[in-house]
Amino acid sequence: MSNHMYVSYLVRFWQEETGGEPQTPWRGEVESVQTGQKWQLNSLSDLSQFIQSQVEVQPPSISEKAGNH
């Protein structure tokens, strides 16, 4: 069995109730399953940027270190 680095997140999005306004903004939260740490989001674009930033900071997997792609 090979060893792989992975992270898991719980993603939640909701709309705030503001007295019937037609276009209330969506709000979001990402929670790390491993650590419980939470990040607040204001858009799907924020979610995309968050995931990209997390993938970029992860160390290479064992197979990548060995040169096996």
PDB file of N, CA and C in Angstrom:
ATOM      1  N   MET A   1       0.850  -1.184   0.000  1.00  0.00           N
ATOM      2  CA  MET A   1       0.000   0.000   0.000  1.00  0.00           C
ATOM      3  C   MET A   1       0.891   1.240   0.000  1.00  0.00           C
ATOM      4  N   SER A   2       0.620   2.158  -0.886  1.00  0.00           N
ATOM      5  CA  SER A   2       1.442   3.364  -0.957  1.00  0.00           C
ATOM      6  C   SER A   2       0.924   4.411   0.028  1.00  0.00           C
ATOM      7  N   ASN A   3       1.831   5.265   0.463  1.00  0.00           N
ATOM      8  CA  ASN A   3       1.467   6.345   1.374  1.00  0.00           C
ATOM      9  C   ASN A   3       1.166   7.591   0.566  1.00  0.00           C
ATOM     10  N   HIS A   4       0.036   8.199   0.845  1.00  0.00           N
ATOM     11  CA  HIS A   4      -0.344   9.434   0.170  1.00  0.00           C
ATOM     12  C   HIS A   4      -0.712  10.479   1.213  1.00  0.00           C
ATOM     13  N   MET A   5      -0.290  11.696   0.965  1.00  0.00           N
ATOM     14  CA  MET A   5      -0.674  12.823   1.802  1.00  0.00           C
ATOM     15  C   MET A   5      -2.060  13.269   1.362  1.00  0.00           C
ATOM     16  N   TYR A   6      -2.944  13.518   2.289  1.00  0.00           N
ATOM     17  CA  TYR A   6      -4.247  14.047   1.917  1.00  0.00           C
ATOM     18  C   TYR A   6      -4.751  14.967   3.015  1.00  0.00           C
ATOM     19  N   VAL A   7      -5.651  15.829   2.642  1.00  0.00           N
ATOM     20  CA  VAL A   7      -6.349  16.698   3.580  1.00  0.00           C
ATOM     21  C   VAL A   7      -7.834  16.607   3.254  1.00  0.00           C
ATOM     22  N   SER A   8      -8.660  16.787   4.265  1.00  0.00           N
ATOM     23  CA  SER A   8     -10.110  16.741   4.071  1.00  0.00           C
ATOM     24  C   SER A   8     -10.724  17.997   4.668  1.00  0.00           C
ATOM     25  N   TYR A   9     -11.698  18.542   3.961  1.00  0.00           N
ATOM     26  CA  TYR A   9     -12.379  19.744   4.416  1.00  0.00           C
ATOM     27  C   TYR A   9     -13.882  19.550   4.339  1.00  0.00           C
ATOM     28  N   LEU A  10     -14.582  20.136   5.289  1.00  0.00           N
ATOM     29  CA  LEU A  10     -16.030  20.228   5.246  1.00  0.00           C
ATOM     30  C   LEU A  10     -16.340  21.641   4.778  1.00  0.00           C
ATOM     31  N   VAL A  11     -17.135  21.762   3.725  1.00  0.00           N
ATOM     32  CA  VAL A  11     -17.448  23.070   3.148  1.00  0.00           C
ATOM     33  C   VAL A  11     -18.932  23.345   3.351  1.00  0.00           C
ATOM     34  N   ARG A  12     -19.241  24.528   3.878  1.00  0.00           N
ATOM     35  CA  ARG A  12     -20.636  24.941   4.087  1.00  0.00           C
ATOM     36  C   ARG A  12     -20.850  26.298   3.420  1.00  0.00           C
ATOM     37  N   PHE A  13     -21.973  26.458   2.745  1.00  0.00           N
ATOM     38  CA  PHE A  13     -22.388  27.752   2.208  1.00  0.00           C
ATOM     39  C   PHE A  13     -23.826  28.006   2.608  1.00  0.00           C
ATOM     40  N   TRP A  14     -24.163  29.254   2.911  1.00  0.00           N
ATOM     41  CA  TRP A  14     -25.527  29.622   3.282  1.00  0.00           C
ATOM     42  C   TRP A  14     -25.790  31.057   2.870  1.00  0.00           C
ATOM     43  N   GLN A  15     -27.079  31.412   2.793  1.00  0.00           N
ATOM     44  CA  GLN A  15     -27.481  32.791   2.529  1.00  0.00           C
ATOM     45  C   GLN A  15     -28.049  33.373   3.805  1.00  0.00           C
ATOM     46  N   GLU A  16     -27.602  34.567   4.133  1.00  0.00           N
ATOM     47  CA  GLU A  16     -28.116  35.265   5.308  1.00  0.00           C
ATOM     48  C   GLU A  16     -29.529  35.760   5.017  1.00  0.00           C
ATOM     49  N   GLU A  17     -30.397  35.705   6.006  1.00  0.00           N
ATOM     50  CA  GLU A  17     -31.735  36.268   5.850  1.00  0.00           C
ATOM     51  C   GLU A  17     -31.672  37.742   6.229  1.00  0.00           C
ATOM     52  N   THR A  18     -32.096  38.595   5.298  1.00  0.00           N
ATOM     53  CA  THR A  18     -32.031  40.043   5.550  1.00  0.00           C
ATOM     54  C   THR A  18     -33.367  40.702   5.235  1.00  0.00           C
ATOM     55  N   GLY A  19     -34.433  40.131   5.679  1.00  0.00           N
ATOM     56  CA  GLY A  19     -35.739  40.748   5.502  1.00  0.00           C
ATOM     57  C   GLY A  19     -36.265  40.700   4.085  1.00  0.00           C
ATOM     58  N   GLY A  20     -35.960  39.656   3.350  1.00  0.00           N
ATOM     59  CA  GLY A  20     -36.532  39.486   2.022  1.00  0.00           C
ATOM     60  C   GLY A  20     -35.784  40.153   0.887  1.00  0.00           C
ATOM     61  N   GLU A  21     -34.568  40.621   1.109  1.00  0.00           N
ATOM     62  CA  GLU A  21     -33.789  41.187   0.001  1.00  0.00           C
ATOM     63  C   GLU A  21     -33.625  40.137  -1.088  1.00  0.00           C
ATOM     64  N   PRO A  22     -33.766  40.537  -2.356  1.00  0.00           N
ATOM     65  CA  PRO A  22     -33.718  39.549  -3.439  1.00  0.00           C
ATOM     66  C   PRO A  22     -32.351  38.897  -3.647  1.00  0.00           C
ATOM     67  N   GLN A  23     -31.271  39.606  -3.445  1.00  0.00           N
ATOM     68  CA  GLN A  23     -29.938  39.066  -3.731  1.00  0.00           C
ATOM     69  C   GLN A  23     -29.050  39.132  -2.495  1.00  0.00           C
ATOM     70  N   THR A  24     -29.365  38.373  -1.477  1.00  0.00           N
ATOM     71  CA  THR A  24     -28.478  38.345  -0.318  1.00  0.00           C
ATOM     72  C   THR A  24     -27.242  37.523  -0.668  1.00  0.00           C
ATOM     73  N   PRO A  25     -26.074  37.977  -0.236  1.00  0.00           N
ATOM     74  CA  PRO A  25     -24.841  37.267  -0.605  1.00  0.00           C
ATOM     75  C   PRO A  25     -24.724  35.921   0.108  1.00  0.00           C
ATOM     76  N   TRP A  26     -24.062  35.005  -0.546  1.00  0.00           N
ATOM     77  CA  TRP A  26     -23.756  33.711   0.052  1.00  0.00           C
ATOM     78  C   TRP A  26     -22.524  33.865   0.930  1.00  0.00           C
ATOM     79  N   ARG A  27     -22.529  33.190   2.049  1.00  0.00           N
ATOM     80  CA  ARG A  27     -21.388  33.141   2.958  1.00  0.00           C
ATOM     81  C   ARG A  27     -20.941  31.688   3.046  1.00  0.00           C
ATOM     82  N   GLY A  28     -19.685  31.491   3.368  1.00  0.00           N
ATOM     83  CA  GLY A  28     -19.197  30.125   3.451  1.00  0.00           C
ATOM     84  C   GLY A  28     -18.176  29.934   4.543  1.00  0.00           C
ATOM     85  N   GLU A  29     -17.938  28.676   4.825  1.00  0.00           N
ATOM     86  CA  GLU A  29     -16.953  28.294   5.821  1.00  0.00           C
ATOM     87  C   GLU A  29     -16.315  26.980   5.391  1.00  0.00           C
ATOM     88  N   VAL A  30     -15.020  26.893   5.574  1.00  0.00           N
ATOM     89  CA  VAL A  30     -14.286  25.656   5.326  1.00  0.00           C
ATOM     90  C   VAL A  30     -13.715  25.222   6.670  1.00  0.00           C
ATOM     91  N   GLU A  31     -13.892  23.946   6.996  1.00  0.00           N
ATOM     92  CA  GLU A  31     -13.368  23.410   8.251  1.00  0.00           C
ATOM     93  C   GLU A  31     -12.465  22.223   7.955  1.00  0.00           C
ATOM     94  N   SER A  32     -11.271  22.256   8.496  1.00  0.00           N
ATOM     95  CA  SER A  32     -10.337  21.140   8.339  1.00  0.00           C
ATOM     96  C   SER A  32     -10.824  19.962   9.174  1.00  0.00           C
ATOM     97  N   VAL A  33     -11.001  18.819   8.539  1.00  0.00           N
ATOM     98  CA  VAL A  33     -11.415  17.615   9.261  1.00  0.00           C
ATOM     99  C   VAL A  33     -10.310  17.175  10.219  1.00  0.00           C
ATOM    100  N   GLN A  34      -9.053  17.328   9.817  1.00  0.00           N
ATOM    101  CA  GLN A  34      -7.935  16.880  10.646  1.00  0.00           C
ATOM    102  C   GLN A  34      -7.726  17.752  11.888  1.00  0.00           C
ATOM    103  N   THR A  35      -7.828  19.077  11.739  1.00  0.00           N
ATOM    104  CA  THR A  35      -7.463  19.976  12.840  1.00  0.00           C
ATOM    105  C   THR A  35      -8.633  20.726  13.468  1.00  0.00           C
ATOM    106  N   GLY A  36      -9.754  20.834  12.758  1.00  0.00           N
ATOM    107  CA  GLY A  36     -10.884  21.617  13.253  1.00  0.00           C
ATOM    108  C   GLY A  36     -10.760  23.104  12.959  1.00  0.00           C
ATOM    109  N   GLN A  37      -9.644  23.525  12.361  1.00  0.00           N
ATOM    110  CA  GLN A  37      -9.455  24.934  12.024  1.00  0.00           C
ATOM    111  C   GLN A  37     -10.501  25.358  11.003  1.00  0.00           C
ATOM    112  N   LYS A  38     -10.992  26.613  11.119  1.00  0.00           N
ATOM    113  CA  LYS A  38     -12.041  27.114  10.224  1.00  0.00           C
ATOM    114  C   LYS A  38     -11.589  28.390   9.524  1.00  0.00           C
ATOM    115  N   TRP A  39     -12.047  28.544   8.283  1.00  0.00           N
ATOM    116  CA  TRP A  39     -11.802  29.730   7.477  1.00  0.00           C
ATOM    117  C   TRP A  39     -13.135  30.224   6.945  1.00  0.00           C
ATOM    118  N   GLN A  40     -13.329  31.542   6.945  1.00  0.00           N
ATOM    119  CA  GLN A  40     -14.563  32.143   6.446  1.00  0.00           C
ATOM    120  C   GLN A  40     -14.401  32.526   4.980  1.00  0.00           C
ATOM    121  N   LEU A  41     -15.455  32.336   4.194  1.00  0.00           N
ATOM    122  CA  LEU A  41     -15.441  32.631   2.763  1.00  0.00           C
ATOM    123  C   LEU A  41     -16.602  33.548   2.413  1.00  0.00           C
ATOM    124  N   ASN A  42     -16.421  34.330   1.350  1.00  0.00           N
ATOM    125  CA  ASN A  42     -17.482  35.205   0.874  1.00  0.00           C
ATOM    126  C   ASN A  42     -17.983  34.846  -0.512  1.00  0.00           C
ATOM    127  N   SER A  43     -17.352  33.862  -1.164  1.00  0.00           N
ATOM    128  CA  SER A  43     -17.761  33.509  -2.529  1.00  0.00           C
ATOM    129  C   SER A  43     -17.172  32.160  -2.926  1.00  0.00           C
ATOM    130  N   LEU A  44     -17.685  31.613  -4.028  1.00  0.00           N
ATOM    131  CA  LEU A  44     -17.105  30.383  -4.573  1.00  0.00           C
ATOM    132  C   LEU A  44     -15.685  30.628  -5.054  1.00  0.00           C
ATOM    133  N   SER A  45     -15.430  31.831  -5.520  1.00  0.00           N
ATOM    134  CA  SER A  45     -14.077  32.180  -5.947  1.00  0.00           C
ATOM    135  C   SER A  45     -13.108  32.127  -4.756  1.00  0.00           C
ATOM    136  N   ASP A  46     -13.563  32.553  -3.568  1.00  0.00           N
ATOM    137  CA  ASP A  46     -12.739  32.429  -2.356  1.00  0.00           C
ATOM    138  C   ASP A  46     -12.432  30.966  -2.064  1.00  0.00           C
ATOM    139  N   LEU A  47     -13.420  30.088  -2.280  1.00  0.00           N
ATOM    140  CA  LEU A  47     -13.213  28.656  -2.052  1.00  0.00           C
ATOM    141  C   LEU A  47     -12.138  28.118  -2.984  1.00  0.00           C
ATOM    142  N   SER A  48     -12.212  28.492  -4.240  1.00  0.00           N
ATOM    143  CA  SER A  48     -11.220  28.052  -5.218  1.00  0.00           C
ATOM    144  C   SER A  48      -9.821  28.527  -4.823  1.00  0.00           C
ATOM    145  N   GLN A  49      -9.716  29.785  -4.427  1.00  0.00           N
ATOM    146  CA  GLN A  49      -8.422  30.336  -4.017  1.00  0.00           C
ATOM    147  C   GLN A  49      -7.901  29.641  -2.760  1.00  0.00           C
ATOM    148  N   PHE A  50      -8.799  29.351  -1.821  1.00  0.00           N
ATOM    149  CA  PHE A  50      -8.401  28.665  -0.595  1.00  0.00           C
ATOM    150  C   PHE A  50      -7.821  27.289  -0.910  1.00  0.00           C
ATOM    151  N   ILE A  51      -8.539  26.510  -1.716  1.00  0.00           N
ATOM    152  CA  ILE A  51      -8.071  25.167  -2.051  1.00  0.00           C
ATOM    153  C   ILE A  51      -6.728  25.235  -2.765  1.00  0.00           C
ATOM    154  N   GLN A  52      -6.591  26.162  -3.701  1.00  0.00           N
ATOM    155  CA  GLN A  52      -5.322  26.318  -4.414  1.00  0.00           C
ATOM    156  C   GLN A  52      -4.195  26.624  -3.436  1.00  0.00           C
ATOM    157  N   SER A  53      -4.441  27.510  -2.473  1.00  0.00           N
ATOM    158  CA  SER A  53      -3.395  27.870  -1.509  1.00  0.00           C
ATOM    159  C   SER A  53      -3.020  26.682  -0.626  1.00  0.00           C
ATOM    160  N   GLN A  54      -3.971  25.839  -0.280  1.00  0.00           N
ATOM    161  CA  GLN A  54      -3.692  24.677   0.559  1.00  0.00           C
ATOM    162  C   GLN A  54      -2.907  23.615  -0.199  1.00  0.00           C
ATOM    163  N   VAL A  55      -3.225  23.416  -1.456  1.00  0.00           N
ATOM    164  CA  VAL A  55      -2.515  22.427  -2.272  1.00  0.00           C
ATOM    165  C   VAL A  55      -1.069  22.872  -2.494  1.00  0.00           C
ATOM    166  N   GLU A  56      -0.866  24.165  -2.679  1.00  0.00           N
ATOM    167  CA  GLU A  56       0.480  24.682  -2.932  1.00  0.00           C
ATOM    168  C   GLU A  56       1.394  24.535  -1.723  1.00  0.00           C
ATOM    169  N   VAL A  57       0.857  24.547  -0.498  1.00  0.00           N
ATOM    170  CA  VAL A  57       1.712  24.480   0.688  1.00  0.00           C
ATOM    171  C   VAL A  57       1.945  23.055   1.167  1.00  0.00           C
ATOM    172  N   GLN A  58       1.278  22.075   0.587  1.00  0.00           N
ATOM    173  CA  GLN A  58       1.460  20.687   1.000  1.00  0.00           C
ATOM    174  C   GLN A  58       2.794  20.164   0.476  1.00  0.00           C
ATOM    175  N   PRO A  59       3.550  19.438   1.299  1.00  0.00           N
ATOM    176  CA  PRO A  59       4.812  18.856   0.821  1.00  0.00           C
ATOM    177  C   PRO A  59       4.537  17.774  -0.213  1.00  0.00           C
ATOM    178  N   PRO A  60       5.513  17.488  -1.083  1.00  0.00           N
ATOM    179  CA  PRO A  60       5.304  16.442  -2.091  1.00  0.00           C
ATOM    180  C   PRO A  60       5.087  15.084  -1.439  1.00  0.00           C
ATOM    181  N   SER A  61       4.331  14.230  -2.120  1.00  0.00           N
ATOM    182  CA  SER A  61       4.081  12.888  -1.594  1.00  0.00           C
ATOM    183  C   SER A  61       5.354  12.059  -1.662  1.00  0.00           C
ATOM    184  N   ILE A  62       5.357  10.934  -1.002  1.00  0.00           N
ATOM    185  CA  ILE A  62       6.524  10.043  -0.968  1.00  0.00           C
ATOM    186  C   ILE A  62       6.921   9.613  -2.375  1.00  0.00           C
ATOM    187  N   SER A  63       5.939   9.271  -3.224  1.00  0.00           N
ATOM    188  CA  SER A  63       6.269   8.822  -4.578  1.00  0.00           C
ATOM    189  C   SER A  63       6.891   9.949  -5.396  1.00  0.00           C
ATOM    190  N   GLU A  64       6.451  11.208  -5.163  1.00  0.00           N
ATOM    191  CA  GLU A  64       7.053  12.328  -5.886  1.00  0.00           C
ATOM    192  C   GLU A  64       8.486  12.549  -5.424  1.00  0.00           C
ATOM    193  N   LYS A  65       8.769  12.357  -4.129  1.00  0.00           N
ATOM    194  CA  LYS A  65      10.130  12.520  -3.616  1.00  0.00           C
ATOM    195  C   LYS A  65      11.065  11.488  -4.239  1.00  0.00           C
ATOM    196  N   ALA A  66      10.545  10.292  -4.478  1.00  0.00           N
ATOM    197  CA  ALA A  66      11.361   9.221  -5.046  1.00  0.00           C
ATOM    198  C   ALA A  66      11.477   9.332  -6.555  1.00  0.00           C
ATOM    199  N   GLY A  67      10.757  10.284  -7.149  1.00  0.00           N
ATOM    200  CA  GLY A  67      10.804  10.455  -8.596  1.00  0.00           C
ATOM    201  C   GLY A  67       9.852   9.546  -9.342  1.00  0.00           C
ATOM    202  N   ASN A  68       8.939   8.889  -8.650  1.00  0.00           N
ATOM    203  CA  ASN A  68       7.947   8.017  -9.293  1.00  0.00           C
ATOM    204  C   ASN A  68       6.675   8.803  -9.544  1.00  0.00           C
ATOM    205  N   HIS A  69       6.353   9.068 -10.772  1.00  0.00           N
ATOM    206  CA  HIS A  69       5.149   9.845 -11.080  1.00  0.00           C
ATOM    207  C   HIS A  69       4.083   8.953 -11.576  1.00  0.00           C
TER     208      HIS A  69
END
